[in-house]
Amino acid sequence: MEDKPKHSVLILVAIIGVIGSIIVAVIGKWDPHLKSEQQLPQTVDPNKLVSVIKDEQRKAVRISYSETDCFTYTDLENFRNERKTEQIINDLSHQNSFINIVIAIKKMQPVPRQEFLNACSNTAKPTWDQLRNITPEGQTNAGHEAELMISTGIVRKVFDLIRLTPQELEEMYQ
């Protein structure tokens, strides 16, 4: 009978050891000061920046269907006066998903990162003149200009943010 308590103690110690290892593994990756959204691995595809740009363009620049139903120069003037690009950039800067994209871009090699961001800054629908057709797949010159203001503004913000240290970027999480 004396062996049975020793055996039970050894099993209990082994179980505690395994549980302890699991706890250390979990706690090692968990910071109670971060929100649960931030606990997820930040393996974000940098190409999501293009989707973010297009989404913001779609929200801020109305679709141009015809010469009478389109984004006009008056719309562009209002867009500028309302500082829409700055509003968009400010809103994005407070979104964890955008910060994750910036972190992913920061991890890219410098030359491919520069080429990628240069391409992103030119994200906009083609003009009707370029398409030689009036269609919602294209945009008026005014609409095209507003879309480029959005894409270049967002890319400038990314350039600003990738200069920050990883700690400074993490402090931006909401």
N, C-alpha and C. Protein backbone atom coordinates (compact mmCIF):
# COMPACT_ATOMS: atom_id res chain seq x y z
N MET A 1 0.81 -1.19 0.00
CA MET A 1 0.00 0.00 0.00
C MET A 1 0.85 1.25 0.00
N GLU A 2 2.06 1.15 0.53
CA GLU A 2 2.90 2.34 0.58
C GLU A 2 3.28 2.80 -0.82
N ASP A 3 3.39 1.89 -1.78
CA ASP A 3 3.75 2.26 -3.15
C ASP A 3 2.63 3.03 -3.84
N LYS A 4 1.39 2.70 -3.49
CA LYS A 4 0.26 3.36 -4.13
C LYS A 4 0.25 4.87 -3.85
N PRO A 5 0.44 5.33 -2.62
CA PRO A 5 0.48 6.78 -2.39
C PRO A 5 1.65 7.44 -3.14
N LYS A 6 2.81 6.78 -3.20
CA LYS A 6 3.94 7.35 -3.93
C LYS A 6 3.60 7.48 -5.41
N HIS A 7 2.97 6.42 -5.94
CA HIS A 7 2.57 6.41 -7.35
C HIS A 7 1.54 7.53 -7.62
N SER A 8 0.59 7.71 -6.72
CA SER A 8 -0.43 8.76 -6.86
C SER A 8 0.21 10.14 -6.80
N VAL A 9 1.18 10.30 -5.93
CA VAL A 9 1.88 11.59 -5.81
C VAL A 9 2.64 11.87 -7.09
N LEU A 10 3.32 10.86 -7.63
CA LEU A 10 4.07 11.05 -8.88
C LEU A 10 3.14 11.42 -10.03
N ILE A 11 2.00 10.77 -10.11
CA ILE A 11 1.02 11.10 -11.16
C ILE A 11 0.51 12.52 -10.96
N LEU A 12 0.23 12.88 -9.73
CA LEU A 12 -0.25 14.24 -9.43
C LEU A 12 0.80 15.27 -9.79
N VAL A 13 2.06 15.01 -9.48
CA VAL A 13 3.15 15.93 -9.82
C VAL A 13 3.27 16.04 -11.34
N ALA A 14 3.15 14.94 -12.04
CA ALA A 14 3.23 14.96 -13.50
C ALA A 14 2.08 15.79 -14.10
N ILE A 15 0.90 15.59 -13.57
CA ILE A 15 -0.28 16.34 -14.06
C ILE A 15 -0.09 17.83 -13.79
N ILE A 16 0.37 18.16 -12.60
CA ILE A 16 0.61 19.57 -12.26
C ILE A 16 1.67 20.15 -13.19
N GLY A 17 2.71 19.35 -13.50
CA GLY A 17 3.75 19.81 -14.40
C GLY A 17 3.21 20.11 -15.79
N VAL A 18 2.37 19.22 -16.29
CA VAL A 18 1.77 19.42 -17.62
C VAL A 18 0.87 20.65 -17.60
N ILE A 19 0.04 20.76 -16.57
CA ILE A 19 -0.84 21.93 -16.47
C ILE A 19 -0.01 23.20 -16.36
N GLY A 20 1.05 23.15 -15.57
CA GLY A 20 1.93 24.31 -15.44
C GLY A 20 2.54 24.70 -16.77
N SER A 21 2.97 23.72 -17.56
CA SER A 21 3.54 24.01 -18.89
C SER A 21 2.52 24.67 -19.80
N ILE A 22 1.31 24.15 -19.73
CA ILE A 22 0.23 24.74 -20.54
C ILE A 22 -0.02 26.18 -20.12
N ILE A 23 -0.09 26.40 -18.82
CA ILE A 23 -0.34 27.76 -18.32
C ILE A 23 0.78 28.70 -18.74
N VAL A 24 2.04 28.26 -18.60
CA VAL A 24 3.17 29.10 -19.00
C VAL A 24 3.11 29.40 -20.49
N ALA A 25 2.76 28.39 -21.30
CA ALA A 25 2.66 28.61 -22.74
C ALA A 25 1.59 29.63 -23.06
N VAL A 26 0.45 29.54 -22.39
CA VAL A 26 -0.65 30.47 -22.65
C VAL A 26 -0.31 31.85 -22.13
N ILE A 27 0.19 31.93 -20.90
CA ILE A 27 0.51 33.24 -20.32
C ILE A 27 1.65 33.89 -21.08
N GLY A 28 2.57 33.11 -21.58
CA GLY A 28 3.68 33.67 -22.35
C GLY A 28 3.20 34.41 -23.58
N LYS A 29 2.04 34.04 -24.11
CA LYS A 29 1.49 34.68 -25.30
C LYS A 29 0.34 35.61 -24.96
N TRP A 30 0.00 35.72 -23.72
CA TRP A 30 -1.17 36.49 -23.33
C TRP A 30 -0.74 37.64 -22.45
N ASP A 31 -1.23 38.80 -22.74
CA ASP A 31 -0.96 39.98 -21.93
C ASP A 31 -2.30 40.49 -21.45
N PRO A 32 -2.55 40.50 -20.15
CA PRO A 32 -3.86 40.91 -19.65
C PRO A 32 -4.17 42.37 -19.93
N HIS A 33 -3.17 43.15 -20.30
CA HIS A 33 -3.38 44.57 -20.57
C HIS A 33 -3.88 44.83 -21.99
N LEU A 34 -3.77 43.83 -22.86
CA LEU A 34 -4.21 44.00 -24.24
C LEU A 34 -5.64 43.48 -24.38
N LYS A 35 -6.38 44.09 -25.28
CA LYS A 35 -7.73 43.63 -25.56
C LYS A 35 -7.66 42.33 -26.35
N SER A 36 -8.71 41.54 -26.29
CA SER A 36 -8.68 40.21 -26.91
C SER A 36 -8.40 40.28 -28.41
N GLU A 37 -8.84 41.33 -29.09
CA GLU A 37 -8.61 41.47 -30.53
C GLU A 37 -7.11 41.55 -30.82
N GLN A 38 -6.36 42.13 -29.89
CA GLN A 38 -4.93 42.29 -30.08
C GLN A 38 -4.16 41.01 -29.77
N GLN A 39 -4.79 40.06 -29.12
CA GLN A 39 -4.13 38.82 -28.76
C GLN A 39 -3.91 37.92 -29.98
N LEU A 40 -4.68 38.14 -31.02
CA LEU A 40 -4.58 37.29 -32.20
C LEU A 40 -3.25 37.52 -32.90
N PRO A 41 -2.69 36.50 -33.53
CA PRO A 41 -1.44 36.70 -34.25
C PRO A 41 -1.63 37.74 -35.35
N GLN A 42 -0.64 38.56 -35.49
CA GLN A 42 -0.76 39.64 -36.46
C GLN A 42 -0.16 39.21 -37.80
N THR A 43 -0.71 38.17 -38.36
CA THR A 43 -0.28 37.70 -39.67
C THR A 43 -1.29 38.24 -40.68
N VAL A 44 -1.14 39.49 -41.00
CA VAL A 44 -2.06 40.18 -41.89
C VAL A 44 -1.39 40.33 -43.24
N ASP A 45 -2.15 40.16 -44.29
CA ASP A 45 -1.64 40.34 -45.64
C ASP A 45 -1.56 41.82 -45.94
N PRO A 46 -0.37 42.33 -46.28
CA PRO A 46 -0.24 43.76 -46.60
C PRO A 46 -1.15 44.20 -47.75
N ASN A 47 -1.52 43.26 -48.63
CA ASN A 47 -2.39 43.60 -49.76
C ASN A 47 -3.78 44.06 -49.31
N LYS A 48 -4.10 43.85 -48.04
CA LYS A 48 -5.38 44.33 -47.53
C LYS A 48 -5.46 45.85 -47.58
N LEU A 49 -4.30 46.50 -47.70
CA LEU A 49 -4.30 47.96 -47.81
C LEU A 49 -5.09 48.40 -49.04
N VAL A 50 -4.96 47.67 -50.14
CA VAL A 50 -5.69 48.02 -51.36
C VAL A 50 -7.20 47.94 -51.10
N SER A 51 -7.63 46.92 -50.39
CA SER A 51 -9.06 46.79 -50.05
C SER A 51 -9.53 47.93 -49.17
N VAL A 52 -8.69 48.32 -48.22
CA VAL A 52 -9.04 49.45 -47.34
C VAL A 52 -9.19 50.72 -48.17
N ILE A 53 -8.26 50.96 -49.07
CA ILE A 53 -8.32 52.16 -49.92
C ILE A 53 -9.61 52.15 -50.74
N LYS A 54 -9.89 51.03 -51.41
CA LYS A 54 -11.08 50.95 -52.25
C LYS A 54 -12.36 51.10 -51.44
N ASP A 55 -12.39 50.53 -50.24
CA ASP A 55 -13.57 50.68 -49.37
C ASP A 55 -13.79 52.14 -49.01
N GLU A 56 -12.72 52.82 -48.64
CA GLU A 56 -12.84 54.23 -48.27
C GLU A 56 -13.25 55.08 -49.47
N GLN A 57 -12.73 54.77 -50.64
CA GLN A 57 -13.12 55.49 -51.86
C GLN A 57 -14.61 55.28 -52.14
N ARG A 58 -15.05 54.04 -51.99
CA ARG A 58 -16.45 53.71 -52.25
C ARG A 58 -17.38 54.49 -51.30
N LYS A 59 -16.95 54.64 -50.05
CA LYS A 59 -17.77 55.36 -49.07
C LYS A 59 -17.78 56.86 -49.31
N ALA A 60 -16.67 57.41 -49.80
CA ALA A 60 -16.54 58.87 -49.88
C ALA A 60 -16.82 59.47 -51.26
N VAL A 61 -16.68 58.67 -52.30
CA VAL A 61 -16.84 59.18 -53.67
C VAL A 61 -17.98 58.40 -54.33
N ARG A 62 -19.06 59.12 -54.60
CA ARG A 62 -20.21 58.40 -55.15
C ARG A 62 -19.92 57.86 -56.55
N ILE A 63 -20.59 56.79 -56.87
CA ILE A 63 -20.44 56.15 -58.17
C ILE A 63 -21.00 57.08 -59.24
N SER A 64 -20.30 57.14 -60.34
CA SER A 64 -20.74 57.96 -61.47
C SER A 64 -21.36 57.05 -62.52
N TYR A 65 -22.67 57.23 -62.69
CA TYR A 65 -23.42 56.38 -63.62
C TYR A 65 -23.58 57.01 -65.00
N SER A 66 -23.75 58.34 -65.01
CA SER A 66 -24.01 59.03 -66.28
C SER A 66 -23.55 60.48 -66.13
N GLU A 67 -23.65 61.24 -67.21
CA GLU A 67 -23.24 62.65 -67.15
C GLU A 67 -24.10 63.47 -66.21
N THR A 68 -25.31 63.00 -65.94
CA THR A 68 -26.19 63.74 -65.03
C THR A 68 -26.25 63.12 -63.63
N ASP A 69 -25.71 61.95 -63.47
CA ASP A 69 -25.69 61.25 -62.18
C ASP A 69 -24.26 60.81 -61.93
N CYS A 70 -23.45 61.78 -61.42
CA CYS A 70 -22.02 61.50 -61.30
C CYS A 70 -21.38 62.38 -60.22
N PHE A 71 -20.14 62.08 -59.92
CA PHE A 71 -19.33 62.88 -58.99
C PHE A 71 -18.81 64.08 -59.79
N THR A 72 -19.21 65.26 -59.38
CA THR A 72 -18.92 66.48 -60.13
C THR A 72 -17.78 67.28 -59.49
N TYR A 73 -17.39 68.37 -60.17
CA TYR A 73 -16.38 69.26 -59.60
C TYR A 73 -16.93 69.98 -58.37
N THR A 74 -18.24 70.18 -58.30
CA THR A 74 -18.84 70.74 -57.08
C THR A 74 -18.69 69.74 -55.93
N ASP A 75 -18.91 68.46 -56.23
CA ASP A 75 -18.68 67.42 -55.22
C ASP A 75 -17.23 67.41 -54.76
N LEU A 76 -16.32 67.57 -55.70
CA LEU A 76 -14.89 67.59 -55.38
C LEU A 76 -14.56 68.78 -54.49
N GLU A 77 -15.14 69.93 -54.80
CA GLU A 77 -14.91 71.12 -53.98
C GLU A 77 -15.42 70.88 -52.55
N ASN A 78 -16.61 70.30 -52.42
CA ASN A 78 -17.15 69.96 -51.10
C ASN A 78 -16.27 68.94 -50.38
N PHE A 79 -15.80 67.98 -51.13
CA PHE A 79 -14.89 66.95 -50.60
C PHE A 79 -13.67 67.61 -49.97
N ARG A 80 -13.10 68.55 -50.70
CA ARG A 80 -11.91 69.27 -50.19
C ARG A 80 -12.27 70.15 -48.99
N ASN A 81 -13.35 70.92 -49.11
CA ASN A 81 -13.74 71.83 -48.03
C ASN A 81 -14.07 71.09 -46.74
N GLU A 82 -14.64 69.90 -46.87
CA GLU A 82 -14.99 69.09 -45.70
C GLU A 82 -13.80 68.28 -45.18
N ARG A 83 -12.67 68.40 -45.87
CA ARG A 83 -11.43 67.72 -45.48
C ARG A 83 -11.66 66.21 -45.30
N LYS A 84 -12.35 65.65 -46.29
CA LYS A 84 -12.72 64.23 -46.23
C LYS A 84 -11.50 63.31 -46.11
N THR A 85 -10.44 63.62 -46.86
CA THR A 85 -9.25 62.77 -46.81
C THR A 85 -8.68 62.72 -45.40
N GLU A 86 -8.60 63.88 -44.75
CA GLU A 86 -8.07 63.93 -43.39
C GLU A 86 -8.97 63.16 -42.42
N GLN A 87 -10.29 63.26 -42.62
CA GLN A 87 -11.22 62.52 -41.77
C GLN A 87 -11.02 61.00 -41.93
N ILE A 88 -10.86 60.59 -43.16
CA ILE A 88 -10.66 59.16 -43.44
C ILE A 88 -9.39 58.67 -42.77
N ILE A 89 -8.31 59.42 -42.94
CA ILE A 89 -7.02 59.02 -42.36
C ILE A 89 -7.11 58.99 -40.84
N ASN A 90 -7.75 59.98 -40.25
CA ASN A 90 -7.89 60.01 -38.80
C ASN A 90 -8.69 58.81 -38.31
N ASP A 91 -9.78 58.49 -38.99
CA ASP A 91 -10.59 57.34 -38.61
C ASP A 91 -9.79 56.04 -38.71
N LEU A 92 -9.05 55.88 -39.81
CA LEU A 92 -8.26 54.66 -40.00
C LEU A 92 -7.18 54.52 -38.92
N SER A 93 -6.59 55.63 -38.54
CA SER A 93 -5.51 55.60 -37.55
C SER A 93 -5.96 55.06 -36.20
N HIS A 94 -7.27 55.03 -35.98
CA HIS A 94 -7.81 54.53 -34.72
C HIS A 94 -8.40 53.12 -34.84
N GLN A 95 -8.10 52.46 -35.96
CA GLN A 95 -8.63 51.11 -36.18
C GLN A 95 -7.50 50.09 -36.05
N ASN A 96 -7.69 49.13 -35.16
CA ASN A 96 -6.67 48.10 -34.95
C ASN A 96 -6.36 47.33 -36.22
N SER A 97 -7.37 47.09 -37.04
CA SER A 97 -7.14 46.35 -38.29
C SER A 97 -6.20 47.12 -39.22
N PHE A 98 -6.32 48.44 -39.24
CA PHE A 98 -5.42 49.26 -40.07
C PHE A 98 -4.00 49.22 -39.49
N ILE A 99 -3.88 49.31 -38.18
CA ILE A 99 -2.56 49.26 -37.54
C ILE A 99 -1.91 47.91 -37.84
N ASN A 100 -2.69 46.83 -37.84
CA ASN A 100 -2.14 45.51 -38.18
C ASN A 100 -1.62 45.48 -39.62
N ILE A 101 -2.31 46.13 -40.52
CA ILE A 101 -1.85 46.21 -41.92
C ILE A 101 -0.53 46.99 -41.98
N VAL A 102 -0.46 48.08 -41.25
CA VAL A 102 0.77 48.89 -41.22
C VAL A 102 1.93 48.06 -40.69
N ILE A 103 1.69 47.29 -39.63
CA ILE A 103 2.74 46.44 -39.07
C ILE A 103 3.21 45.42 -40.10
N ALA A 104 2.27 44.84 -40.84
CA ALA A 104 2.63 43.87 -41.88
C ALA A 104 3.46 44.53 -42.98
N ILE A 105 3.10 45.74 -43.36
CA ILE A 105 3.84 46.47 -44.39
C ILE A 105 5.23 46.84 -43.87
N LYS A 106 5.31 47.21 -42.62
CA LYS A 106 6.60 47.56 -42.01
C LYS A 106 7.57 46.38 -42.07
N LYS A 107 7.05 45.15 -42.00
CA LYS A 107 7.88 43.94 -42.01
C LYS A 107 8.41 43.61 -43.41
N MET A 108 7.86 44.26 -44.43
CA MET A 108 8.31 43.99 -45.81
C MET A 108 9.73 44.52 -46.01
N GLN A 109 10.43 43.95 -46.97
CA GLN A 109 11.75 44.46 -47.35
C GLN A 109 11.57 45.87 -47.95
N PRO A 110 12.55 46.76 -47.76
CA PRO A 110 12.37 48.17 -48.17
C PRO A 110 12.00 48.39 -49.64
N VAL A 111 12.68 47.74 -50.57
CA VAL A 111 12.40 47.99 -51.99
C VAL A 111 11.01 47.49 -52.39
N PRO A 112 10.66 46.24 -52.07
CA PRO A 112 9.29 45.80 -52.40
C PRO A 112 8.23 46.64 -51.68
N ARG A 113 8.52 47.07 -50.45
CA ARG A 113 7.56 47.91 -49.71
C ARG A 113 7.34 49.22 -50.43
N GLN A 114 8.43 49.85 -50.89
CA GLN A 114 8.32 51.12 -51.62
C GLN A 114 7.52 50.94 -52.90
N GLU A 115 7.80 49.89 -53.64
CA GLU A 115 7.08 49.63 -54.89
C GLU A 115 5.60 49.37 -54.61
N PHE A 116 5.32 48.60 -53.58
CA PHE A 116 3.95 48.29 -53.20
C PHE A 116 3.19 49.56 -52.84
N LEU A 117 3.79 50.40 -52.00
CA LEU A 117 3.11 51.62 -51.56
C LEU A 117 2.94 52.61 -52.72
N ASN A 118 3.92 52.68 -53.62
CA ASN A 118 3.76 53.54 -54.79
C ASN A 118 2.58 53.08 -55.64
N ALA A 119 2.43 51.77 -55.81
CA ALA A 119 1.30 51.25 -56.58
C ALA A 119 -0.01 51.55 -55.85
N CYS A 120 -0.02 51.38 -54.54
CA CYS A 120 -1.24 51.65 -53.75
C CYS A 120 -1.66 53.11 -53.86
N SER A 121 -0.70 54.01 -53.94
CA SER A 121 -1.04 55.44 -54.00
C SER A 121 -1.74 55.81 -55.29
N ASN A 122 -1.68 54.95 -56.29
CA ASN A 122 -2.35 55.20 -57.57
C ASN A 122 -3.65 54.42 -57.72
N THR A 123 -4.15 53.89 -56.61
CA THR A 123 -5.39 53.12 -56.64
C THR A 123 -6.57 54.06 -56.88
N ALA A 124 -7.21 53.90 -58.01
CA ALA A 124 -8.40 54.69 -58.37
C ALA A 124 -9.02 54.06 -59.61
N LYS A 125 -10.32 54.26 -59.73
CA LYS A 125 -10.98 53.81 -60.96
C LYS A 125 -10.44 54.63 -62.13
N PRO A 126 -10.39 54.04 -63.31
CA PRO A 126 -9.99 54.83 -64.49
C PRO A 126 -11.06 55.88 -64.80
N THR A 127 -10.64 56.93 -65.45
CA THR A 127 -11.62 57.96 -65.85
C THR A 127 -12.43 57.45 -67.04
N TRP A 128 -13.56 58.12 -67.24
CA TRP A 128 -14.36 57.79 -68.43
C TRP A 128 -13.56 58.05 -69.70
N ASP A 129 -12.73 59.09 -69.68
CA ASP A 129 -11.89 59.37 -70.85
C ASP A 129 -10.94 58.21 -71.12
N GLN A 130 -10.36 57.66 -70.07
CA GLN A 130 -9.44 56.53 -70.24
C GLN A 130 -10.17 55.31 -70.79
N LEU A 131 -11.39 55.11 -70.31
CA LEU A 131 -12.18 53.97 -70.77
C LEU A 131 -12.84 54.23 -72.13
N ARG A 132 -12.94 55.50 -72.49
CA ARG A 132 -13.65 55.91 -73.70
C ARG A 132 -15.10 55.45 -73.65
N ASN A 133 -15.66 55.49 -72.42
CA ASN A 133 -17.02 55.04 -72.22
C ASN A 133 -17.52 55.59 -70.88
N ILE A 134 -18.78 55.96 -70.82
CA ILE A 134 -19.38 56.41 -69.57
C ILE A 134 -20.03 55.19 -68.93
N THR A 135 -19.41 54.76 -67.84
CA THR A 135 -19.84 53.54 -67.18
C THR A 135 -19.47 53.59 -65.70
N PRO A 136 -20.23 52.93 -64.83
CA PRO A 136 -19.89 52.90 -63.40
C PRO A 136 -18.54 52.24 -63.09
N GLU A 137 -17.99 51.49 -64.04
CA GLU A 137 -16.66 50.90 -63.85
C GLU A 137 -15.58 51.97 -63.90
N GLY A 138 -15.93 53.14 -64.41
CA GLY A 138 -15.01 54.26 -64.47
C GLY A 138 -15.49 55.37 -63.56
N GLN A 139 -14.89 56.55 -63.71
CA GLN A 139 -15.21 57.67 -62.85
C GLN A 139 -14.99 58.97 -63.62
N THR A 140 -15.67 60.00 -63.21
CA THR A 140 -15.44 61.32 -63.79
C THR A 140 -14.02 61.77 -63.42
N ASN A 141 -13.54 62.80 -64.08
CA ASN A 141 -12.22 63.34 -63.73
C ASN A 141 -12.22 63.82 -62.28
N ALA A 142 -13.31 64.45 -61.86
CA ALA A 142 -13.41 64.93 -60.48
C ALA A 142 -13.42 63.76 -59.50
N GLY A 143 -14.18 62.73 -59.80
CA GLY A 143 -14.23 61.55 -58.95
C GLY A 143 -12.89 60.84 -58.88
N HIS A 144 -12.23 60.76 -60.02
CA HIS A 144 -10.90 60.14 -60.09
C HIS A 144 -9.92 60.91 -59.21
N GLU A 145 -10.00 62.23 -59.26
CA GLU A 145 -9.11 63.07 -58.46
C GLU A 145 -9.37 62.85 -56.95
N ALA A 146 -10.63 62.76 -56.56
CA ALA A 146 -10.96 62.52 -55.16
C ALA A 146 -10.46 61.14 -54.72
N GLU A 147 -10.63 60.14 -55.58
CA GLU A 147 -10.14 58.80 -55.25
C GLU A 147 -8.63 58.80 -55.07
N LEU A 148 -7.92 59.53 -55.92
CA LEU A 148 -6.46 59.61 -55.79
C LEU A 148 -6.06 60.36 -54.52
N MET A 149 -6.84 61.36 -54.14
CA MET A 149 -6.56 62.07 -52.89
C MET A 149 -6.66 61.10 -51.71
N ILE A 150 -7.63 60.22 -51.76
CA ILE A 150 -7.81 59.22 -50.70
C ILE A 150 -6.64 58.24 -50.69
N SER A 151 -6.33 57.68 -51.86
CA SER A 151 -5.27 56.66 -51.89
C SER A 151 -3.91 57.26 -51.51
N THR A 152 -3.58 58.43 -52.02
CA THR A 152 -2.28 59.01 -51.67
C THR A 152 -2.25 59.45 -50.20
N GLY A 153 -3.36 59.91 -49.68
CA GLY A 153 -3.42 60.30 -48.27
C GLY A 153 -3.22 59.11 -47.35
N ILE A 154 -3.87 58.01 -47.66
CA ILE A 154 -3.73 56.80 -46.85
C ILE A 154 -2.29 56.29 -46.92
N VAL A 155 -1.72 56.28 -48.12
CA VAL A 155 -0.35 55.79 -48.27
C VAL A 155 0.63 56.71 -47.52
N ARG A 156 0.42 58.00 -47.58
CA ARG A 156 1.28 58.91 -46.80
C ARG A 156 1.21 58.58 -45.31
N LYS A 157 0.02 58.29 -44.83
CA LYS A 157 -0.14 57.93 -43.42
C LYS A 157 0.61 56.63 -43.11
N VAL A 158 0.54 55.67 -44.02
CA VAL A 158 1.28 54.41 -43.82
C VAL A 158 2.78 54.72 -43.75
N PHE A 159 3.29 55.56 -44.65
CA PHE A 159 4.70 55.94 -44.61
C PHE A 159 5.06 56.56 -43.26
N ASP A 160 4.20 57.42 -42.75
CA ASP A 160 4.45 58.03 -41.44
C ASP A 160 4.48 56.98 -40.34
N LEU A 161 3.53 56.05 -40.39
CA LEU A 161 3.41 55.06 -39.32
C LEU A 161 4.52 54.01 -39.35
N ILE A 162 5.02 53.65 -40.52
CA ILE A 162 6.07 52.62 -40.55
C ILE A 162 7.39 53.16 -40.01
N ARG A 163 7.48 54.45 -39.84
CA ARG A 163 8.68 55.05 -39.22
C ARG A 163 8.66 54.90 -37.69
N LEU A 164 7.50 54.59 -37.14
CA LEU A 164 7.38 54.43 -35.68
C LEU A 164 8.02 53.11 -35.24
N THR A 165 8.40 53.05 -33.99
CA THR A 165 8.93 51.80 -33.44
C THR A 165 7.77 50.82 -33.26
N PRO A 166 8.06 49.53 -33.17
CA PRO A 166 6.99 48.56 -32.92
C PRO A 166 6.20 48.90 -31.65
N GLN A 167 6.89 49.34 -30.62
CA GLN A 167 6.21 49.71 -29.37
C GLN A 167 5.26 50.88 -29.59
N GLU A 168 5.70 51.90 -30.35
CA GLU A 168 4.84 53.05 -30.62
C GLU A 168 3.60 52.63 -31.42
N LEU A 169 3.78 51.70 -32.35
CA LEU A 169 2.64 51.21 -33.12
C LEU A 169 1.68 50.44 -32.22
N GLU A 170 2.20 49.61 -31.34
CA GLU A 170 1.33 48.86 -30.44
C GLU A 170 0.57 49.77 -29.50
N GLU A 171 1.15 50.90 -29.14
CA GLU A 171 0.47 51.85 -28.27
C GLU A 171 -0.72 52.50 -28.95
N MET A 172 -0.79 52.41 -30.26
CA MET A 172 -1.90 52.99 -31.03
C MET A 172 -3.15 52.13 -30.98
N TYR A 173 -3.00 50.86 -30.53
CA TYR A 173 -4.17 49.99 -30.46
C TYR A 173 -5.22 50.61 -29.55
N GLN A 174 -6.48 50.43 -29.95
CA GLN A 174 -7.61 50.94 -29.17
C GLN A 174 -8.09 49.89 -28.21
